[in-house]
Amino acid sequence: MAKKSIYIEAELDFAEQQLSKWKQYIDENPYDKVDDRKELMKTKTGGAYYAVVQTKEAIQKALRDTMKEYLALLKEVNSMREVEEAKKEARGSATVPHRMQH
C-alpha cells in the first residue's frame, strides 16, 4: 500500500472515530431534555450558591452546531471512502476467484 494511501486511511479512521464521539454526545444529550447547566459557586464569606454557567438555549445551539458538523463530516468521509474504494478497484486489488488462482 502506498504511503499516501496509508495516510488517507489513517485520516479517515480518525474522522470516523470523531464521528462516533459526536454521535454518542448527541445521543446522550437529547435536545428536548436539556436544562440550564448550574454550578456551585462559593462566596468570599464562605457561603455557596448555584449559578447558571450555560443556558438551555446555549446548550441547544451547541447540540445543533455539533449535529451540523457531524452531518458535514459524515458526508465528506463517505465521499472519501467511495473514492478510495474506486481507486482500489481500479488497481485490481479485488480478490482473485479461486478457479483463476492456479
N, C-alpha and C. Protein backbone atom coordinates (compact mmCIF):
# COMPACT_ATOMS: atom_id res chain seq x y z
N MET A 1 0.84 -1.17 0.00
CA MET A 1 0.00 0.00 0.00
C MET A 1 0.89 1.24 0.00
N ALA A 2 0.59 2.20 -0.82
CA ALA A 2 1.39 3.41 -0.94
C ALA A 2 1.29 4.24 0.34
N LYS A 3 2.33 5.04 0.58
CA LYS A 3 2.38 5.87 1.79
C LYS A 3 1.20 6.82 1.84
N LYS A 4 0.87 7.45 0.71
CA LYS A 4 -0.26 8.38 0.66
C LYS A 4 -1.56 7.67 1.00
N SER A 5 -1.72 6.47 0.51
CA SER A 5 -2.92 5.69 0.78
C SER A 5 -3.04 5.35 2.27
N ILE A 6 -1.93 5.02 2.90
CA ILE A 6 -1.93 4.72 4.33
C ILE A 6 -2.32 5.97 5.10
N TYR A 7 -1.77 7.12 4.69
CA TYR A 7 -2.07 8.39 5.34
C TYR A 7 -3.57 8.70 5.23
N ILE A 8 -4.13 8.56 4.05
CA ILE A 8 -5.55 8.84 3.84
C ILE A 8 -6.39 7.89 4.69
N GLU A 9 -6.01 6.62 4.73
CA GLU A 9 -6.76 5.63 5.53
C GLU A 9 -6.74 6.01 7.01
N ALA A 10 -5.58 6.44 7.51
CA ALA A 10 -5.46 6.85 8.91
C ALA A 10 -6.33 8.07 9.19
N GLU A 11 -6.34 9.03 8.28
CA GLU A 11 -7.15 10.22 8.45
C GLU A 11 -8.64 9.88 8.44
N LEU A 12 -9.03 8.99 7.56
CA LEU A 12 -10.43 8.57 7.51
C LEU A 12 -10.82 7.84 8.79
N ASP A 13 -9.94 6.99 9.29
CA ASP A 13 -10.22 6.29 10.55
C ASP A 13 -10.38 7.28 11.70
N PHE A 14 -9.50 8.29 11.74
CA PHE A 14 -9.59 9.31 12.78
C PHE A 14 -10.92 10.08 12.68
N ALA A 15 -11.31 10.45 11.46
CA ALA A 15 -12.57 11.17 11.26
C ALA A 15 -13.76 10.31 11.68
N GLU A 16 -13.70 9.02 11.40
CA GLU A 16 -14.79 8.13 11.81
C GLU A 16 -14.86 8.00 13.34
N GLN A 17 -13.71 8.01 14.00
CA GLN A 17 -13.71 7.98 15.47
C GLN A 17 -14.35 9.25 16.02
N GLN A 18 -14.04 10.39 15.41
CA GLN A 18 -14.63 11.66 15.85
C GLN A 18 -16.14 11.63 15.63
N LEU A 19 -16.56 11.11 14.50
CA LEU A 19 -18.00 11.00 14.23
C LEU A 19 -18.68 10.15 15.29
N SER A 20 -18.04 9.07 15.68
CA SER A 20 -18.60 8.20 16.72
C SER A 20 -18.76 8.94 18.04
N LYS A 21 -17.76 9.75 18.40
CA LYS A 21 -17.82 10.51 19.65
C LYS A 21 -18.92 11.56 19.60
N TRP A 22 -19.02 12.26 18.47
CA TRP A 22 -20.07 13.26 18.32
C TRP A 22 -21.44 12.63 18.39
N LYS A 23 -21.59 11.49 17.74
CA LYS A 23 -22.89 10.80 17.76
C LYS A 23 -23.26 10.39 19.18
N GLN A 24 -22.30 9.87 19.91
CA GLN A 24 -22.54 9.48 21.31
C GLN A 24 -22.94 10.69 22.15
N TYR A 25 -22.26 11.82 21.96
CA TYR A 25 -22.58 13.04 22.70
C TYR A 25 -24.01 13.49 22.40
N ILE A 26 -24.38 13.46 21.12
CA ILE A 26 -25.74 13.87 20.72
C ILE A 26 -26.77 12.91 21.30
N ASP A 27 -26.49 11.61 21.27
CA ASP A 27 -27.41 10.62 21.83
C ASP A 27 -27.59 10.79 23.34
N GLU A 28 -26.50 11.12 24.03
CA GLU A 28 -26.54 11.24 25.49
C GLU A 28 -27.14 12.56 25.96
N ASN A 29 -27.32 13.51 25.06
CA ASN A 29 -27.85 14.83 25.42
C ASN A 29 -29.02 15.17 24.51
N PRO A 30 -30.18 14.54 24.74
CA PRO A 30 -31.34 14.81 23.87
C PRO A 30 -31.71 16.30 23.88
N TYR A 31 -31.95 16.83 22.73
CA TYR A 31 -32.23 18.25 22.54
C TYR A 31 -33.37 18.74 23.42
N ASP A 32 -34.44 17.95 23.49
CA ASP A 32 -35.62 18.38 24.24
C ASP A 32 -35.52 18.16 25.75
N LYS A 33 -34.47 17.54 26.22
CA LYS A 33 -34.33 17.25 27.65
C LYS A 33 -33.25 18.13 28.30
N VAL A 34 -32.74 19.13 27.57
CA VAL A 34 -31.66 19.97 28.07
C VAL A 34 -32.20 20.98 29.09
N ASP A 35 -31.44 21.20 30.15
CA ASP A 35 -31.74 22.23 31.15
C ASP A 35 -30.51 23.12 31.30
N ASP A 36 -30.73 24.27 31.94
CA ASP A 36 -29.60 25.15 32.23
C ASP A 36 -28.56 24.38 33.02
N ARG A 37 -27.28 24.64 32.74
CA ARG A 37 -26.21 24.00 33.50
C ARG A 37 -25.82 24.93 34.63
N LYS A 38 -25.89 24.42 35.84
CA LYS A 38 -25.59 25.22 37.02
C LYS A 38 -24.41 24.60 37.77
N GLU A 39 -23.62 25.47 38.37
CA GLU A 39 -22.50 25.01 39.18
C GLU A 39 -22.53 25.73 40.51
N LEU A 40 -22.00 25.07 41.50
CA LEU A 40 -21.92 25.63 42.84
C LEU A 40 -20.79 26.66 42.89
N MET A 41 -21.15 27.88 43.25
CA MET A 41 -20.17 28.96 43.35
C MET A 41 -20.00 29.31 44.82
N LYS A 42 -18.79 29.64 45.19
CA LYS A 42 -18.52 30.00 46.59
C LYS A 42 -18.37 31.51 46.71
N THR A 43 -18.88 32.04 47.80
CA THR A 43 -18.74 33.47 48.07
C THR A 43 -17.48 33.72 48.88
N LYS A 44 -17.08 34.97 48.97
CA LYS A 44 -15.89 35.33 49.74
C LYS A 44 -16.07 35.07 51.23
N THR A 45 -17.31 35.08 51.68
CA THR A 45 -17.57 34.89 53.11
C THR A 45 -17.74 33.42 53.49
N GLY A 46 -17.55 32.52 52.54
CA GLY A 46 -17.66 31.10 52.84
C GLY A 46 -18.99 30.48 52.48
N GLY A 47 -19.93 31.26 52.01
CA GLY A 47 -21.22 30.73 51.59
C GLY A 47 -21.14 30.13 50.19
N ALA A 48 -22.23 29.60 49.74
CA ALA A 48 -22.27 29.00 48.41
C ALA A 48 -23.64 29.19 47.79
N TYR A 49 -23.69 29.25 46.48
CA TYR A 49 -24.94 29.37 45.75
C TYR A 49 -24.76 28.74 44.37
N TYR A 50 -25.88 28.37 43.76
CA TYR A 50 -25.82 27.82 42.41
C TYR A 50 -26.00 28.96 41.41
N ALA A 51 -25.19 28.95 40.38
CA ALA A 51 -25.28 29.95 39.33
C ALA A 51 -25.35 29.25 37.98
N VAL A 52 -26.11 29.84 37.07
CA VAL A 52 -26.22 29.30 35.71
C VAL A 52 -24.93 29.63 34.98
N VAL A 53 -24.24 28.60 34.51
CA VAL A 53 -23.00 28.80 33.77
C VAL A 53 -23.19 28.59 32.27
N GLN A 54 -24.30 27.94 31.91
CA GLN A 54 -24.64 27.77 30.50
C GLN A 54 -26.16 27.61 30.40
N THR A 55 -26.77 28.47 29.60
CA THR A 55 -28.23 28.43 29.49
C THR A 55 -28.67 27.27 28.60
N LYS A 56 -29.93 26.94 28.75
CA LYS A 56 -30.53 25.87 27.95
C LYS A 56 -30.39 26.19 26.46
N GLU A 57 -30.60 27.44 26.11
CA GLU A 57 -30.52 27.86 24.70
C GLU A 57 -29.09 27.70 24.15
N ALA A 58 -28.11 28.03 24.96
CA ALA A 58 -26.72 27.89 24.52
C ALA A 58 -26.36 26.42 24.32
N ILE A 59 -26.84 25.57 25.21
CA ILE A 59 -26.58 24.13 25.09
C ILE A 59 -27.26 23.58 23.84
N GLN A 60 -28.50 24.00 23.60
CA GLN A 60 -29.22 23.54 22.42
C GLN A 60 -28.52 24.01 21.14
N LYS A 61 -28.00 25.24 21.14
CA LYS A 61 -27.26 25.74 19.97
C LYS A 61 -26.01 24.89 19.77
N ALA A 62 -25.32 24.55 20.83
CA ALA A 62 -24.12 23.70 20.71
C ALA A 62 -24.48 22.34 20.13
N LEU A 63 -25.62 21.79 20.55
CA LEU A 63 -26.07 20.50 20.01
C LEU A 63 -26.39 20.61 18.52
N ARG A 64 -27.06 21.70 18.14
CA ARG A 64 -27.38 21.92 16.71
C ARG A 64 -26.09 22.05 15.90
N ASP A 65 -25.15 22.82 16.42
CA ASP A 65 -23.88 23.00 15.72
C ASP A 65 -23.13 21.68 15.59
N THR A 66 -23.14 20.89 16.65
CA THR A 66 -22.48 19.59 16.61
C THR A 66 -23.14 18.70 15.56
N MET A 67 -24.46 18.74 15.50
CA MET A 67 -25.18 17.92 14.51
C MET A 67 -24.84 18.36 13.09
N LYS A 68 -24.76 19.67 12.87
CA LYS A 68 -24.38 20.18 11.53
C LYS A 68 -22.98 19.71 11.15
N GLU A 69 -22.05 19.83 12.09
CA GLU A 69 -20.68 19.40 11.84
C GLU A 69 -20.62 17.89 11.61
N TYR A 70 -21.41 17.14 12.38
CA TYR A 70 -21.47 15.69 12.23
C TYR A 70 -21.90 15.32 10.81
N LEU A 71 -22.98 15.93 10.36
CA LEU A 71 -23.51 15.60 9.03
C LEU A 71 -22.53 16.01 7.92
N ALA A 72 -21.88 17.16 8.07
CA ALA A 72 -20.91 17.60 7.07
C ALA A 72 -19.71 16.66 7.02
N LEU A 73 -19.20 16.27 8.18
CA LEU A 73 -18.05 15.36 8.23
C LEU A 73 -18.44 13.98 7.72
N LEU A 74 -19.63 13.52 8.06
CA LEU A 74 -20.10 12.22 7.59
C LEU A 74 -20.17 12.18 6.07
N LYS A 75 -20.69 13.24 5.48
CA LYS A 75 -20.77 13.32 4.02
C LYS A 75 -19.37 13.27 3.41
N GLU A 76 -18.44 14.01 4.00
CA GLU A 76 -17.06 14.05 3.49
C GLU A 76 -16.38 12.70 3.63
N VAL A 77 -16.55 12.04 4.77
CA VAL A 77 -15.93 10.73 4.99
C VAL A 77 -16.49 9.71 4.01
N ASN A 78 -17.81 9.71 3.84
CA ASN A 78 -18.41 8.77 2.89
C ASN A 78 -17.90 9.00 1.47
N SER A 79 -17.77 10.25 1.09
CA SER A 79 -17.26 10.59 -0.24
C SER A 79 -15.82 10.12 -0.40
N MET A 80 -14.99 10.37 0.61
CA MET A 80 -13.59 9.95 0.54
C MET A 80 -13.46 8.43 0.52
N ARG A 81 -14.29 7.75 1.29
CA ARG A 81 -14.26 6.28 1.29
C ARG A 81 -14.61 5.74 -0.10
N GLU A 82 -15.62 6.34 -0.73
CA GLU A 82 -16.01 5.90 -2.08
C GLU A 82 -14.86 6.10 -3.07
N VAL A 83 -14.16 7.23 -2.97
CA VAL A 83 -13.03 7.50 -3.86
C VAL A 83 -11.93 6.47 -3.62
N GLU A 84 -11.63 6.19 -2.36
CA GLU A 84 -10.58 5.21 -2.04
C GLU A 84 -10.95 3.81 -2.54
N GLU A 85 -12.21 3.43 -2.38
CA GLU A 85 -12.67 2.12 -2.87
C GLU A 85 -12.57 2.06 -4.39
N ALA A 86 -12.92 3.14 -5.07
CA ALA A 86 -12.83 3.17 -6.53
C ALA A 86 -11.38 3.04 -6.98
N LYS A 87 -10.46 3.66 -6.24
CA LYS A 87 -9.03 3.55 -6.57
C LYS A 87 -8.56 2.11 -6.41
N LYS A 88 -9.00 1.46 -5.33
CA LYS A 88 -8.60 0.07 -5.09
C LYS A 88 -9.09 -0.84 -6.21
N GLU A 89 -10.34 -0.64 -6.63
CA GLU A 89 -10.90 -1.46 -7.70
C GLU A 89 -10.17 -1.20 -9.01
N ALA A 90 -9.82 0.05 -9.26
CA ALA A 90 -9.12 0.40 -10.50
C ALA A 90 -7.72 -0.23 -10.53
N ARG A 91 -7.11 -0.40 -9.36
CA ARG A 91 -5.78 -1.01 -9.29
C ARG A 91 -5.84 -2.53 -9.32
N GLY A 92 -7.01 -3.06 -9.26
CA GLY A 92 -7.15 -4.51 -9.30
C GLY A 92 -6.88 -5.17 -7.97
N SER A 93 -7.20 -4.52 -6.89
CA SER A 93 -6.98 -5.12 -5.58
C SER A 93 -8.12 -6.04 -5.16
N ALA A 94 -9.05 -6.24 -6.06
CA ALA A 94 -10.15 -7.15 -5.75
C ALA A 94 -9.61 -8.58 -5.64
N THR A 95 -10.31 -9.41 -4.95
CA THR A 95 -9.85 -10.78 -4.76
C THR A 95 -9.95 -11.56 -6.07
N VAL A 96 -9.03 -12.46 -6.24
CA VAL A 96 -8.99 -13.29 -7.45
C VAL A 96 -9.86 -14.53 -7.20
N PRO A 97 -10.76 -14.82 -8.14
CA PRO A 97 -11.59 -16.02 -7.97
C PRO A 97 -10.73 -17.27 -7.81
N HIS A 98 -11.20 -18.24 -7.06
CA HIS A 98 -10.46 -19.45 -6.75
C HIS A 98 -10.03 -20.19 -8.02
N ARG A 99 -10.91 -20.29 -8.99
CA ARG A 99 -10.58 -21.04 -10.21
C ARG A 99 -9.46 -20.39 -11.02
N MET A 100 -9.17 -19.11 -10.77
CA MET A 100 -8.14 -18.41 -11.52
C MET A 100 -6.83 -18.29 -10.76
N GLN A 101 -6.75 -18.82 -9.57
CA GLN A 101 -5.56 -18.68 -8.75
C GLN A 101 -4.41 -19.60 -9.19
N HIS A 102 -4.68 -20.65 -9.87
CA HIS A 102 -3.62 -21.60 -10.22
C HIS A 102 -3.01 -21.30 -11.53
